[in-house]
PDB file of N, CA and C in Angstrom:
ATOM      1  N   MET A   1      -1.061  54.950 134.091  1.00  0.00           N
ATOM      2  CA  MET A   1      -2.089  54.032 133.701  1.00  0.00           C
ATOM      3  C   MET A   1      -3.570  54.834 133.511  1.00  0.00           C
ATOM      4  N   LYS A   2      -3.778  55.921 134.086  1.00  0.00           N
ATOM      5  CA  LYS A   2      -4.830  56.794 134.097  1.00  0.00           C
ATOM      6  C   LYS A   2      -4.853  57.308 132.623  1.00  0.00           C
ATOM      7  N   ASN A   3      -3.672  57.759 132.000  1.00  0.00           N
ATOM      8  CA  ASN A   3      -3.749  58.485 130.877  1.00  0.00           C
ATOM      9  C   ASN A   3      -3.454  57.640 129.594  1.00  0.00           C
ATOM     10  N   ASP A   4      -3.545  56.310 129.790  1.00  0.00           N
ATOM     11  CA  ASP A   4      -3.247  55.263 128.612  1.00  0.00           C
ATOM     12  C   ASP A   4      -4.370  55.522 127.634  1.00  0.00           C
ATOM     13  N   ASP A   5      -4.103  55.450 126.433  1.00  0.00           N
ATOM     14  CA  ASP A   5      -5.038  55.535 125.277  1.00  0.00           C
ATOM     15  C   ASP A   5      -5.256  53.910 124.858  1.00  0.00           C
ATOM     16  N   LEU A   6      -6.383  53.421 125.354  1.00  0.00           N
ATOM     17  CA  LEU A   6      -6.799  52.081 125.087  1.00  0.00           C
ATOM     18  C   LEU A   6      -7.887  51.786 123.994  1.00  0.00           C
ATOM     19  N   ARG A   7      -8.157  52.964 123.335  1.00  0.00           N
ATOM     20  CA  ARG A   7      -9.153  52.713 122.417  1.00  0.00           C
ATOM     21  C   ARG A   7      -8.677  52.124 121.067  1.00  0.00           C
ATOM     22  N   ALA A   8      -9.375  51.409 120.421  1.00  0.00           N
ATOM     23  CA  ALA A   8      -9.038  50.651 119.194  1.00  0.00           C
ATOM     24  C   ALA A   8      -8.859  51.713 118.033  1.00  0.00           C
ATOM     25  N   ASP A   9      -7.909  51.660 117.151  1.00  0.00           N
ATOM     26  CA  ASP A   9      -7.906  52.585 115.829  1.00  0.00           C
ATOM     27  C   ASP A   9      -8.935  52.167 114.991  1.00  0.00           C
ATOM     28  N   ARG A  10      -9.476  53.229 114.315  1.00  0.00           N
ATOM     29  CA  ARG A  10     -10.294  52.855 113.226  1.00  0.00           C
ATOM     30  C   ARG A  10      -9.533  52.411 112.066  1.00  0.00           C
ATOM     31  N   ASP A  11     -10.289  51.597 111.305  1.00  0.00           N
ATOM     32  CA  ASP A  11      -9.649  51.134 109.957  1.00  0.00           C
ATOM     33  C   ASP A  11      -9.786  52.124 108.947  1.00  0.00           C
ATOM     34  N   GLU A  12      -8.789  52.196 108.127  1.00  0.00           N
ATOM     35  CA  GLU A  12      -8.918  53.200 107.063  1.00  0.00           C
ATOM     36  C   GLU A  12      -9.944  52.607 105.881  1.00  0.00           C
ATOM     37  N   LEU A  13     -10.972  53.369 105.665  1.00  0.00           N
ATOM     38  CA  LEU A  13     -11.988  52.924 104.815  1.00  0.00           C
ATOM     39  C   LEU A  13     -11.823  53.413 103.299  1.00  0.00           C
ATOM     40  N   ASP A  14     -10.637  53.750 102.970  1.00  0.00           N
ATOM     41  CA  ASP A  14     -10.410  54.338 101.661  1.00  0.00           C
ATOM     42  C   ASP A  14     -10.410  53.077 100.554  1.00  0.00           C
ATOM     43  N   HIS A  15      -9.814  52.022 100.908  1.00  0.00           N
ATOM     44  CA  HIS A  15      -9.540  51.064 100.015  1.00  0.00           C
ATOM     45  C   HIS A  15     -10.811  49.807 100.136  1.00  0.00           C
ATOM     46  N   PHE A  16     -11.884  50.149 100.711  1.00  0.00           N
ATOM     47  CA  PHE A  16     -13.147  49.424 100.643  1.00  0.00           C
ATOM     48  C   PHE A  16     -13.886  49.795  99.618  1.00  0.00           C
ATOM     49  N   ALA A  17     -14.548  48.996  98.736  1.00  0.00           N
ATOM     50  CA  ALA A  17     -15.347  49.374  97.734  1.00  0.00           C
ATOM     51  C   ALA A  17     -16.810  49.542  98.376  1.00  0.00           C
ATOM     52  N   PRO A  18     -17.532  50.601  97.959  1.00  0.00           N
ATOM     53  CA  PRO A  18     -18.946  50.706  98.627  1.00  0.00           C
ATOM     54  C   PRO A  18     -19.904  49.586  98.060  1.00  0.00           C
ATOM     55  N   ARG A  19     -20.672  49.235  99.070  1.00  0.00           N
ATOM     56  CA  ARG A  19     -21.756  48.045  98.747  1.00  0.00           C
ATOM     57  C   ARG A  19     -22.662  48.478  97.698  1.00  0.00           C
ATOM     58  N   PRO A  20     -23.068  47.562  96.814  1.00  0.00           N
ATOM     59  CA  PRO A  20     -24.148  48.020  95.863  1.00  0.00           C
ATOM     60  C   PRO A  20     -25.445  48.175  96.614  1.00  0.00           C
ATOM     61  N   SER A  21     -26.440  48.886  96.416  1.00  0.00           N
ATOM     62  CA  SER A  21     -27.724  49.187  96.900  1.00  0.00           C
ATOM     63  C   SER A  21     -28.418  47.762  96.926  1.00  0.00           C
ATOM     64  N   ALA A  22     -29.380  47.485  97.957  1.00  0.00           N
ATOM     65  CA  ALA A  22     -30.039  46.355  97.852  1.00  0.00           C
ATOM     66  C   ALA A  22     -31.275  46.496  96.979  1.00  0.00           C
ATOM     67  N   LYS A  23     -31.135  46.473  95.676  1.00  0.00           N
ATOM     68  CA  LYS A  23     -32.180  46.575  94.758  1.00  0.00           C
ATOM     69  C   LYS A  23     -32.570  45.170  94.202  1.00  0.00           C
ATOM     70  N   ARG A  24     -31.893  43.990  94.590  1.00  0.00           N
ATOM     71  CA  ARG A  24     -32.024  42.712  94.079  1.00  0.00           C
ATOM     72  C   ARG A  24     -33.261  42.261  94.693  1.00  0.00           C
ATOM     73  N   GLY A  25     -33.664  42.524  95.893  1.00  0.00           N
ATOM     74  CA  GLY A  25     -34.871  41.930  96.442  1.00  0.00           C
ATOM     75  C   GLY A  25     -36.145  42.071  95.759  1.00  0.00           C
ATOM     76  N   ASN A  26     -36.297  43.219  95.154  1.00  0.00           N
ATOM     77  CA  ASN A  26     -37.641  43.605  94.339  1.00  0.00           C
ATOM     78  C   ASN A  26     -37.459  42.751  93.047  1.00  0.00           C
ATOM     79  N   ASN A  27     -36.256  42.569  92.506  1.00  0.00           N
ATOM     80  CA  ASN A  27     -36.131  41.824  91.229  1.00  0.00           C
ATOM     81  C   ASN A  27     -36.598  40.295  91.484  1.00  0.00           C
ATOM     82  N   LEU A  28     -36.111  39.661  92.691  1.00  0.00           N
ATOM     83  CA  LEU A  28     -36.335  38.380  92.996  1.00  0.00           C
ATOM     84  C   LEU A  28     -37.755  38.130  93.211  1.00  0.00           C
ATOM     85  N   VAL A  29     -38.567  39.063  93.939  1.00  0.00           N
ATOM     86  CA  VAL A  29     -39.818  39.052  94.131  1.00  0.00           C
ATOM     87  C   VAL A  29     -40.691  38.861  92.833  1.00  0.00           C
ATOM     88  N   LEU A  30     -40.285  39.777  91.851  1.00  0.00           N
ATOM     89  CA  LEU A  30     -40.939  39.761  90.558  1.00  0.00           C
ATOM     90  C   LEU A  30     -40.680  38.648  89.644  1.00  0.00           C
ATOM     91  N   GLN A  31     -39.351  37.830  89.884  1.00  0.00           N
ATOM     92  CA  GLN A  31     -39.215  36.659  89.339  1.00  0.00           C
ATOM     93  C   GLN A  31     -39.973  35.530  89.795  1.00  0.00           C
ATOM     94  N   VAL A  32     -40.058  35.453  90.949  1.00  0.00           N
ATOM     95  CA  VAL A  32     -40.831  34.291  91.765  1.00  0.00           C
ATOM     96  C   VAL A  32     -42.366  34.587  91.241  1.00  0.00           C
ATOM     97  N   ALA A  33     -42.891  35.753  91.361  1.00  0.00           N
ATOM     98  CA  ALA A  33     -44.202  36.023  90.801  1.00  0.00           C
ATOM     99  C   ALA A  33     -44.484  35.565  89.532  1.00  0.00           C
ATOM    100  N   ALA A  34     -43.589  35.897  88.710  1.00  0.00           N
ATOM    101  CA  ALA A  34     -43.789  35.587  87.161  1.00  0.00           C
ATOM    102  C   ALA A  34     -43.663  34.086  87.044  1.00  0.00           C
ATOM    103  N   GLY A  35     -42.762  33.268  87.805  1.00  0.00           N
ATOM    104  CA  GLY A  35     -42.523  31.834  87.629  1.00  0.00           C
ATOM    105  C   GLY A  35     -43.881  31.220  88.151  1.00  0.00           C
ATOM    106  N   VAL A  36     -44.408  31.733  89.184  1.00  0.00           N
ATOM    107  CA  VAL A  36     -45.572  31.263  89.864  1.00  0.00           C
ATOM    108  C   VAL A  36     -46.943  31.234  88.733  1.00  0.00           C
ATOM    109  N   PHE A  37     -47.048  32.512  88.272  1.00  0.00           N
ATOM    110  CA  PHE A  37     -47.997  32.710  87.163  1.00  0.00           C
ATOM    111  C   PHE A  37     -47.869  31.931  85.951  1.00  0.00           C
ATOM    112  N   LEU A  38     -46.763  31.898  85.309  1.00  0.00           N
ATOM    113  CA  LEU A  38     -46.303  31.221  84.254  1.00  0.00           C
ATOM    114  C   LEU A  38     -46.506  29.542  84.575  1.00  0.00           C
ATOM    115  N   GLY A  39     -46.190  29.188  85.650  1.00  0.00           N
ATOM    116  CA  GLY A  39     -46.386  27.837  85.989  1.00  0.00           C
ATOM    117  C   GLY A  39     -47.815  27.343  86.102  1.00  0.00           C
ATOM    118  N   GLY A  40     -48.557  28.210  86.614  1.00  0.00           N
ATOM    119  CA  GLY A  40     -50.058  28.081  86.660  1.00  0.00           C
ATOM    120  C   GLY A  40     -50.773  28.071  85.373  1.00  0.00           C
ATOM    121  N   LEU A  41     -50.281  29.007  84.476  1.00  0.00           N
ATOM    122  CA  LEU A  41     -50.707  29.154  83.115  1.00  0.00           C
ATOM    123  C   LEU A  41     -50.515  27.837  82.430  1.00  0.00           C
ATOM    124  N   ALA A  42     -49.207  27.245  82.604  1.00  0.00           N
ATOM    125  CA  ALA A  42     -48.793  26.036  81.834  1.00  0.00           C
ATOM    126  C   ALA A  42     -49.682  24.778  82.311  1.00  0.00           C
ATOM    127  N   LEU A  43     -49.977  24.806  83.679  1.00  0.00           N
ATOM    128  CA  LEU A  43     -50.657  23.684  84.296  1.00  0.00           C
ATOM    129  C   LEU A  43     -52.132  23.900  83.704  1.00  0.00           C
ATOM    130  N   TRP A  44     -52.562  24.957  83.669  1.00  0.00           N
ATOM    131  CA  TRP A  44     -54.018  25.143  83.108  1.00  0.00           C
ATOM    132  C   TRP A  44     -54.181  24.818  81.647  1.00  0.00           C
ATOM    133  N   LEU A  45     -53.237  25.138  80.889  1.00  0.00           N
ATOM    134  CA  LEU A  45     -53.433  24.574  79.446  1.00  0.00           C
ATOM    135  C   LEU A  45     -53.008  23.148  79.380  1.00  0.00           C
ATOM    136  N   VAL A  46     -52.342  22.493  80.189  1.00  0.00           N
ATOM    137  CA  VAL A  46     -52.044  21.006  80.197  1.00  0.00           C
ATOM    138  C   VAL A  46     -53.461  20.353  80.488  1.00  0.00           C
ATOM    139  N   GLN A  47     -54.010  21.013  81.655  1.00  0.00           N
ATOM    140  CA  GLN A  47     -55.398  20.287  81.996  1.00  0.00           C
ATOM    141  C   GLN A  47     -56.425  20.513  80.882  1.00  0.00           C
ATOM    142  N   LEU A  48     -56.480  21.633  80.289  1.00  0.00           N
ATOM    143  CA  LEU A  48     -57.457  21.870  79.261  1.00  0.00           C
ATOM    144  C   LEU A  48     -57.116  20.797  78.095  1.00  0.00           C
ATOM    145  N   ALA A  49     -55.893  20.671  77.761  1.00  0.00           N
ATOM    146  CA  ALA A  49     -55.730  19.730  76.650  1.00  0.00           C
ATOM    147  C   ALA A  49     -56.043  18.329  76.967  1.00  0.00           C
ATOM    148  N   ALA A  50     -55.694  17.949  78.195  1.00  0.00           N
ATOM    149  CA  ALA A  50     -56.125  16.487  78.660  1.00  0.00           C
ATOM    150  C   ALA A  50     -57.623  16.324  78.834  1.00  0.00           C
ATOM    151  N   THR A  51     -58.363  17.456  79.311  1.00  0.00           N
ATOM    152  CA  THR A  51     -59.809  17.377  79.198  1.00  0.00           C
ATOM    153  C   THR A  51     -60.431  17.303  77.864  1.00  0.00           C
ATOM    154  N   MET A  52     -59.796  18.044  76.856  1.00  0.00           N
ATOM    155  CA  MET A  52     -60.406  17.958  75.532  1.00  0.00           C
ATOM    156  C   MET A  52     -60.140  16.404  75.066  1.00  0.00           C
ATOM    157  N   LEU A  53     -58.883  15.996  75.189  1.00  0.00           N
ATOM    158  CA  LEU A  53     -58.533  14.649  74.723  1.00  0.00           C
ATOM    159  C   LEU A  53     -59.460  13.514  75.397  1.00  0.00           C
ATOM    160  N   TYR A  54     -59.755  13.646  76.705  1.00  0.00           N
ATOM    161  CA  TYR A  54     -60.596  12.786  77.344  1.00  0.00           C
ATOM    162  C   TYR A  54     -62.046  12.950  76.707  1.00  0.00           C
ATOM    163  N   ALA A  55     -62.459  14.157  76.517  1.00  0.00           N
ATOM    164  CA  ALA A  55     -63.855  14.197  75.990  1.00  0.00           C
ATOM    165  C   ALA A  55     -63.986  13.596  74.477  1.00  0.00           C
ATOM    166  N   LYS A  56     -62.948  13.794  73.690  1.00  0.00           N
ATOM    167  CA  LYS A  56     -62.867  13.100  72.389  1.00  0.00           C
ATOM    168  C   LYS A  56     -62.983  11.747  72.420  1.00  0.00           C
ATOM    169  N   LEU A  57     -62.214  11.164  73.366  1.00  0.00           N
ATOM    170  CA  LEU A  57     -62.250   9.788  73.561  1.00  0.00           C
ATOM    171  C   LEU A  57     -63.479   9.096  73.981  1.00  0.00           C
ATOM    172  N   MET A  58     -64.158   9.975  75.044  1.00  0.00           N
ATOM    173  CA  MET A  58     -65.301   9.610  75.436  1.00  0.00           C
ATOM    174  C   MET A  58     -66.635   9.661  74.415  1.00  0.00           C
ATOM    175  N   LEU A  59     -66.466  10.690  73.502  1.00  0.00           N
ATOM    176  CA  LEU A  59     -67.439  10.729  72.505  1.00  0.00           C
ATOM    177  C   LEU A  59     -67.048   9.633  71.409  1.00  0.00           C
ATOM    178  N   GLY A  60     -65.883   9.296  71.268  1.00  0.00           N
ATOM    179  CA  GLY A  60     -65.453   8.389  70.177  1.00  0.00           C
ATOM    180  C   GLY A  60     -65.340   9.024  68.786  1.00  0.00           C
ATOM    181  N   THR A  61     -64.975  10.371  68.967  1.00  0.00           N
ATOM    182  CA  THR A  61     -64.699  11.118  67.482  1.00  0.00           C
ATOM    183  C   THR A  61     -63.186  11.174  67.102  1.00  0.00           C
ATOM    184  N   ILE A  62     -62.528  10.409  67.797  1.00  0.00           N
ATOM    185  CA  ILE A  62     -61.146  10.289  67.230  1.00  0.00           C
ATOM    186  C   ILE A  62     -60.906   9.018  66.389  1.00  0.00           C
ATOM    187  N   THR A  63     -60.426   9.435  65.236  1.00  0.00           N
ATOM    188  CA  THR A  63     -60.251   8.423  64.050  1.00  0.00           C
ATOM    189  C   THR A  63     -58.800   8.245  63.945  1.00  0.00           C
ATOM    190  N   PHE A  64     -58.248   7.024  63.872  1.00  0.00           N
ATOM    191  CA  PHE A  64     -56.987   6.745  63.613  1.00  0.00           C
ATOM    192  C   PHE A  64     -56.721   6.377  62.333  1.00  0.00           C
ATOM    193  N   GLY A  65     -55.982   7.108  61.478  1.00  0.00           N
ATOM    194  CA  GLY A  65     -55.497   6.710  60.088  1.00  0.00           C
ATOM    195  C   GLY A  65     -56.634   6.670  59.063  1.00  0.00           C
ATOM    196  N   GLY A  66     -57.790   7.193  59.206  1.00  0.00           N
ATOM    197  CA  GLY A  66     -58.726   7.167  58.106  1.00  0.00           C
ATOM    198  C   GLY A  66     -60.083   6.759  58.646  1.00  0.00           C
TER     199      GLY A  66
END
């Protein structure tokens, strides 16, 4: 009992493919930052167009058809 080898055998690591490095996290951060920036820019442009249209309506300078 005293000389029994009860340790687990190691698995052979030859047939396991190495993991790719974790470079995807930085790419995800850049994608989220670009999305937030472009979304804010789009909202600002929509607000600008709506404000210009509202100002034209308030001034009465929009003519329909002539």
